[in-house]
Amino acid sequence: EVQLVESGGGLVQAGGSLRLSCAASGVTLDDYAIGWFRQAPGKEREGIALITSAGRTNYVDSVKGRFTISRDNAENTVYLHLQMNSLKPEDTAVYYCRAPGVPEVPWGPGTQVTVSS
């Protein structure tokens, strides 16, 4: 089964940290850029961080300097991580991983991140 499964979300106070992970199975993503997206209540889903197969990273301005994306190209799967520091209430959202270049892979269930003030 082709799937992406996110984990690591939770409830944290403002200023705290969380580390999200995403595991890809049933699909080879070694040669593709993979990214983190999020959808806050009442808002559209947005891309916030991207890492290429070569390890180059890009971030949206709102998370730059606070979030770090990384990937592990392990045997038969790819693991994607997002280290989130200095969290703010506006970071509250459901977080998803996605390989934009492989649209046939369905969106995963996401993982909820809630930041309290």
N, C-alpha and C. Protein backbone atom coordinates (compact mmCIF):
# COMPACT_ATOMS: atom_id res chain seq x y z
N GLU A 1 0.85 -1.19 0.00
CA GLU A 1 0.00 0.00 0.00
C GLU A 1 0.88 1.24 0.00
N VAL A 2 0.57 2.18 -0.89
CA VAL A 2 1.30 3.44 -0.95
C VAL A 2 0.72 4.40 0.08
N GLN A 3 1.56 4.85 0.99
CA GLN A 3 1.03 5.78 1.99
C GLN A 3 2.14 6.60 2.64
N LEU A 4 1.71 7.72 3.15
CA LEU A 4 2.54 8.60 3.98
C LEU A 4 1.86 8.70 5.33
N VAL A 5 2.60 8.49 6.38
CA VAL A 5 2.03 8.53 7.72
C VAL A 5 2.83 9.48 8.59
N GLU A 6 2.14 10.48 9.10
CA GLU A 6 2.78 11.48 9.94
C GLU A 6 2.59 11.14 11.41
N SER A 7 3.54 11.58 12.24
CA SER A 7 3.45 11.35 13.68
C SER A 7 4.22 12.42 14.41
N GLY A 8 4.02 12.50 15.72
CA GLY A 8 4.80 13.39 16.56
C GLY A 8 4.09 14.65 17.02
N GLY A 9 2.86 14.86 16.57
CA GLY A 9 2.14 16.04 16.98
C GLY A 9 1.72 15.97 18.43
N GLY A 10 1.15 17.06 18.92
CA GLY A 10 0.69 17.08 20.30
C GLY A 10 0.35 18.49 20.74
N LEU A 11 0.15 18.62 22.04
CA LEU A 11 -0.17 19.91 22.66
C LEU A 11 1.08 20.43 23.36
N VAL A 12 1.44 21.65 23.07
CA VAL A 12 2.65 22.24 23.65
C VAL A 12 2.39 23.71 23.95
N GLN A 13 3.06 24.23 24.94
CA GLN A 13 2.94 25.65 25.26
C GLN A 13 3.77 26.49 24.30
N ALA A 14 3.37 27.72 24.13
CA ALA A 14 4.13 28.64 23.29
C ALA A 14 5.58 28.68 23.76
N GLY A 15 6.49 28.66 22.80
CA GLY A 15 7.91 28.64 23.12
C GLY A 15 8.50 27.24 23.18
N GLY A 16 7.63 26.25 23.17
CA GLY A 16 8.08 24.87 23.25
C GLY A 16 8.50 24.31 21.91
N SER A 17 8.81 23.00 21.92
CA SER A 17 9.31 22.33 20.73
C SER A 17 8.58 21.02 20.49
N LEU A 18 8.53 20.63 19.25
CA LEU A 18 8.03 19.33 18.84
C LEU A 18 8.85 18.84 17.65
N ARG A 19 8.91 17.54 17.50
CA ARG A 19 9.58 16.94 16.34
C ARG A 19 8.58 16.04 15.64
N LEU A 20 8.28 16.38 14.41
CA LEU A 20 7.36 15.59 13.60
C LEU A 20 8.15 14.63 12.72
N SER A 21 7.53 13.51 12.43
CA SER A 21 8.13 12.54 11.53
C SER A 21 7.10 12.07 10.52
N CYS A 22 7.61 11.63 9.39
CA CYS A 22 6.75 11.10 8.32
C CYS A 22 7.44 9.90 7.73
N ALA A 23 6.71 8.82 7.59
CA ALA A 23 7.25 7.61 6.98
C ALA A 23 6.52 7.33 5.68
N ALA A 24 7.28 7.11 4.64
CA ALA A 24 6.71 6.78 3.33
C ALA A 24 6.86 5.27 3.12
N SER A 25 5.80 4.64 2.68
CA SER A 25 5.87 3.21 2.38
C SER A 25 5.16 2.91 1.08
N GLY A 26 5.63 1.88 0.41
CA GLY A 26 5.02 1.48 -0.85
C GLY A 26 5.40 2.35 -2.02
N VAL A 27 6.32 3.28 -1.81
CA VAL A 27 6.74 4.18 -2.87
C VAL A 27 8.17 4.60 -2.61
N THR A 28 8.93 4.75 -3.70
CA THR A 28 10.32 5.18 -3.58
C THR A 28 10.40 6.68 -3.82
N LEU A 29 10.81 7.40 -2.79
CA LEU A 29 10.87 8.87 -2.88
C LEU A 29 12.29 9.40 -2.81
N ASP A 30 13.28 8.52 -2.93
CA ASP A 30 14.68 8.95 -2.80
C ASP A 30 15.03 10.08 -3.75
N ASP A 31 14.47 10.10 -4.94
CA ASP A 31 14.86 11.06 -5.96
C ASP A 31 13.93 12.27 -6.03
N TYR A 32 13.06 12.41 -5.05
CA TYR A 32 12.07 13.47 -5.08
C TYR A 32 12.22 14.42 -3.90
N ALA A 33 11.86 15.66 -4.14
CA ALA A 33 11.74 16.60 -3.04
C ALA A 33 10.51 16.23 -2.22
N ILE A 34 10.63 16.41 -0.92
CA ILE A 34 9.53 16.11 0.00
C ILE A 34 9.35 17.32 0.91
N GLY A 35 8.12 17.57 1.28
CA GLY A 35 7.89 18.75 2.09
C GLY A 35 6.86 18.56 3.17
N TRP A 36 6.81 19.55 4.05
CA TRP A 36 5.79 19.61 5.08
C TRP A 36 4.78 20.70 4.72
N PHE A 37 3.53 20.38 4.92
CA PHE A 37 2.42 21.28 4.68
C PHE A 37 1.62 21.35 5.98
N ARG A 38 0.83 22.40 6.11
CA ARG A 38 -0.04 22.48 7.27
C ARG A 38 -1.33 23.18 6.90
N GLN A 39 -2.37 22.84 7.65
CA GLN A 39 -3.67 23.46 7.45
C GLN A 39 -4.24 23.86 8.80
N ALA A 40 -4.34 25.16 8.99
CA ALA A 40 -4.91 25.69 10.22
C ALA A 40 -6.43 25.77 10.08
N PRO A 41 -7.15 25.79 11.18
CA PRO A 41 -8.61 25.87 11.11
C PRO A 41 -9.07 27.07 10.29
N GLY A 42 -9.94 26.81 9.32
CA GLY A 42 -10.50 27.88 8.51
C GLY A 42 -9.58 28.44 7.45
N LYS A 43 -8.42 27.80 7.28
CA LYS A 43 -7.46 28.29 6.29
C LYS A 43 -7.12 27.21 5.28
N GLU A 44 -6.55 27.63 4.17
CA GLU A 44 -6.12 26.68 3.16
C GLU A 44 -4.82 26.00 3.58
N ARG A 45 -4.60 24.82 3.05
CA ARG A 45 -3.35 24.12 3.32
C ARG A 45 -2.22 24.87 2.64
N GLU A 46 -1.09 24.99 3.36
CA GLU A 46 0.06 25.73 2.82
C GLU A 46 1.32 24.89 2.98
N GLY A 47 2.23 25.04 2.04
CA GLY A 47 3.53 24.41 2.15
C GLY A 47 4.42 25.27 3.02
N ILE A 48 5.17 24.66 3.95
CA ILE A 48 5.99 25.44 4.85
C ILE A 48 7.47 25.10 4.78
N ALA A 49 7.81 23.91 4.33
CA ALA A 49 9.21 23.52 4.26
C ALA A 49 9.38 22.43 3.21
N LEU A 50 10.50 22.49 2.51
CA LEU A 50 10.77 21.53 1.44
C LEU A 50 12.23 21.14 1.48
N ILE A 51 12.51 19.87 1.21
CA ILE A 51 13.88 19.41 1.12
C ILE A 51 14.02 18.59 -0.16
N THR A 52 15.04 18.91 -0.95
CA THR A 52 15.25 18.19 -2.20
C THR A 52 15.96 16.87 -1.94
N SER A 53 16.07 16.07 -2.98
CA SER A 53 16.78 14.80 -2.85
C SER A 53 18.25 15.02 -2.52
N ALA A 54 18.76 16.19 -2.88
CA ALA A 54 20.17 16.51 -2.59
C ALA A 54 20.34 17.16 -1.22
N GLY A 55 19.24 17.40 -0.54
CA GLY A 55 19.33 17.96 0.81
C GLY A 55 19.19 19.47 0.89
N ARG A 56 18.91 20.12 -0.21
CA ARG A 56 18.68 21.57 -0.14
C ARG A 56 17.32 21.84 0.45
N THR A 57 17.24 22.89 1.26
CA THR A 57 16.01 23.19 1.99
C THR A 57 15.48 24.57 1.65
N ASN A 58 14.16 24.69 1.78
CA ASN A 58 13.48 25.97 1.63
C ASN A 58 12.38 26.05 2.67
N TYR A 59 12.18 27.26 3.17
CA TYR A 59 11.16 27.47 4.20
C TYR A 59 10.32 28.70 3.87
N VAL A 60 9.07 28.65 4.28
CA VAL A 60 8.25 29.84 4.20
C VAL A 60 8.71 30.79 5.29
N ASP A 61 8.54 32.08 5.06
CA ASP A 61 9.10 33.08 5.99
C ASP A 61 8.60 32.90 7.42
N SER A 62 7.36 32.47 7.57
CA SER A 62 6.77 32.40 8.91
C SER A 62 7.43 31.35 9.81
N VAL A 63 8.16 30.40 9.23
CA VAL A 63 8.80 29.36 10.05
C VAL A 63 10.32 29.40 9.95
N LYS A 64 10.84 30.23 9.08
CA LYS A 64 12.28 30.30 8.86
C LYS A 64 12.99 30.66 10.16
N GLY A 65 14.03 29.92 10.47
CA GLY A 65 14.78 30.17 11.70
C GLY A 65 14.24 29.44 12.92
N ARG A 66 13.04 28.88 12.81
CA ARG A 66 12.44 28.15 13.94
C ARG A 66 12.27 26.66 13.62
N PHE A 67 12.00 26.35 12.38
CA PHE A 67 11.76 24.96 11.96
C PHE A 67 12.94 24.47 11.13
N THR A 68 13.23 23.17 11.25
CA THR A 68 14.29 22.54 10.46
C THR A 68 13.76 21.24 9.88
N ILE A 69 13.85 21.14 8.57
CA ILE A 69 13.41 19.94 7.87
C ILE A 69 14.62 19.06 7.59
N SER A 70 14.43 17.74 7.69
CA SER A 70 15.52 16.81 7.38
C SER A 70 14.91 15.52 6.85
N ARG A 71 15.75 14.71 6.21
CA ARG A 71 15.26 13.45 5.65
C ARG A 71 16.30 12.36 5.83
N ASP A 72 15.82 11.13 5.95
CA ASP A 72 16.67 9.94 6.00
C ASP A 72 16.22 9.02 4.88
N ASN A 73 17.09 8.80 3.90
CA ASN A 73 16.78 7.86 2.83
C ASN A 73 17.22 6.47 3.26
N ALA A 74 16.40 5.84 4.07
CA ALA A 74 16.72 4.51 4.56
C ALA A 74 16.36 3.47 3.50
N GLU A 75 16.81 2.23 3.73
CA GLU A 75 16.52 1.17 2.78
C GLU A 75 15.02 0.96 2.69
N ASN A 76 14.47 0.99 1.48
CA ASN A 76 13.06 0.71 1.19
C ASN A 76 12.09 1.78 1.66
N THR A 77 12.57 2.85 2.26
CA THR A 77 11.65 3.89 2.68
C THR A 77 12.38 5.21 2.88
N VAL A 78 11.61 6.25 3.02
CA VAL A 78 12.16 7.58 3.30
C VAL A 78 11.47 8.10 4.55
N TYR A 79 12.27 8.64 5.46
CA TYR A 79 11.73 9.28 6.64
C TYR A 79 11.99 10.78 6.55
N LEU A 80 10.95 11.54 6.83
CA LEU A 80 11.04 12.99 6.81
C LEU A 80 10.77 13.50 8.21
N HIS A 81 11.54 14.51 8.63
CA HIS A 81 11.37 15.05 9.97
C HIS A 81 11.19 16.57 9.91
N LEU A 82 10.57 17.11 10.94
CA LEU A 82 10.44 18.55 11.08
C LEU A 82 10.66 18.88 12.55
N GLN A 83 11.80 19.48 12.84
CA GLN A 83 12.07 19.96 14.19
C GLN A 83 11.49 21.35 14.31
N MET A 84 10.57 21.52 15.24
CA MET A 84 9.88 22.80 15.41
C MET A 84 10.22 23.38 16.77
N ASN A 85 10.88 24.51 16.77
CA ASN A 85 11.26 25.20 18.00
C ASN A 85 10.55 26.54 18.08
N SER A 86 10.55 27.10 19.27
CA SER A 86 9.93 28.43 19.50
C SER A 86 8.53 28.48 18.91
N LEU A 87 7.74 27.47 19.23
CA LEU A 87 6.40 27.37 18.66
C LEU A 87 5.51 28.51 19.13
N LYS A 88 4.63 28.93 18.22
CA LYS A 88 3.70 30.02 18.48
C LYS A 88 2.27 29.50 18.33
N PRO A 89 1.31 30.16 18.96
CA PRO A 89 -0.09 29.73 18.79
C PRO A 89 -0.52 29.68 17.32
N GLU A 90 0.04 30.54 16.50
CA GLU A 90 -0.33 30.54 15.08
C GLU A 90 0.23 29.35 14.30
N ASP A 91 1.07 28.56 14.96
CA ASP A 91 1.55 27.32 14.35
C ASP A 91 0.55 26.18 14.52
N THR A 92 -0.50 26.42 15.27
CA THR A 92 -1.53 25.39 15.47
C THR A 92 -2.15 25.01 14.12
N ALA A 93 -2.10 23.71 13.81
CA ALA A 93 -2.59 23.23 12.52
C ALA A 93 -2.45 21.71 12.48
N VAL A 94 -3.01 21.13 11.44
CA VAL A 94 -2.72 19.74 11.11
C VAL A 94 -1.56 19.75 10.12
N TYR A 95 -0.54 18.98 10.41
CA TYR A 95 0.67 18.95 9.60
C TYR A 95 0.71 17.68 8.76
N TYR A 96 1.07 17.84 7.49
CA TYR A 96 1.12 16.76 6.54
C TYR A 96 2.47 16.73 5.83
N CYS A 97 2.90 15.57 5.41
CA CYS A 97 4.06 15.48 4.52
C CYS A 97 3.56 15.13 3.12
N ARG A 98 4.38 15.48 2.16
CA ARG A 98 3.95 15.31 0.77
C ARG A 98 5.15 15.41 -0.14
N ALA A 99 5.12 14.61 -1.21
CA ALA A 99 6.11 14.74 -2.27
C ALA A 99 5.39 15.39 -3.44
N PRO A 100 5.58 16.68 -3.65
CA PRO A 100 4.82 17.39 -4.69
C PRO A 100 4.98 16.80 -6.08
N GLY A 101 6.11 16.17 -6.32
CA GLY A 101 6.36 15.60 -7.64
C GLY A 101 5.74 14.24 -7.86
N VAL A 102 5.07 13.72 -6.83
CA VAL A 102 4.43 12.41 -6.92
C VAL A 102 2.98 12.56 -6.46
N PRO A 103 2.16 13.26 -7.23
CA PRO A 103 0.81 13.58 -6.78
C PRO A 103 -0.09 12.37 -6.62
N GLU A 104 0.30 11.24 -7.21
CA GLU A 104 -0.56 10.06 -7.06
C GLU A 104 -0.50 9.45 -5.67
N VAL A 105 0.49 9.83 -4.89
CA VAL A 105 0.54 9.37 -3.50
C VAL A 105 -0.48 10.17 -2.70
N PRO A 106 -1.42 9.52 -2.07
CA PRO A 106 -2.49 10.26 -1.37
C PRO A 106 -1.96 10.98 -0.15
N TRP A 107 -2.67 12.03 0.23
CA TRP A 107 -2.36 12.72 1.47
C TRP A 107 -2.54 11.74 2.65
N GLY A 108 -1.65 11.85 3.62
CA GLY A 108 -1.79 11.05 4.82
C GLY A 108 -2.81 11.67 5.76
N PRO A 109 -3.00 11.06 6.92
CA PRO A 109 -3.98 11.56 7.89
C PRO A 109 -3.54 12.84 8.58
N GLY A 110 -2.24 13.15 8.52
CA GLY A 110 -1.74 14.34 9.20
C GLY A 110 -1.56 14.10 10.68
N THR A 111 -0.91 15.05 11.33
CA THR A 111 -0.73 14.99 12.77
C THR A 111 -1.04 16.38 13.33
N GLN A 112 -1.84 16.41 14.38
CA GLN A 112 -2.31 17.67 14.95
C GLN A 112 -1.26 18.28 15.86
N VAL A 113 -0.98 19.55 15.63
CA VAL A 113 -0.11 20.33 16.50
C VAL A 113 -0.94 21.46 17.08
N THR A 114 -0.98 21.54 18.38
CA THR A 114 -1.72 22.60 19.06
C THR A 114 -0.78 23.33 20.00
N VAL A 115 -0.67 24.64 19.81
CA VAL A 115 0.22 25.46 20.63
C VAL A 115 -0.64 26.39 21.47
N SER A 116 -0.54 26.25 22.78
CA SER A 116 -1.33 27.09 23.68
C SER A 116 -0.54 28.33 24.07
N SER A 117 -1.26 29.41 24.30
CA SER A 117 -0.59 30.67 24.66
C SER A 117 -0.42 30.79 26.15
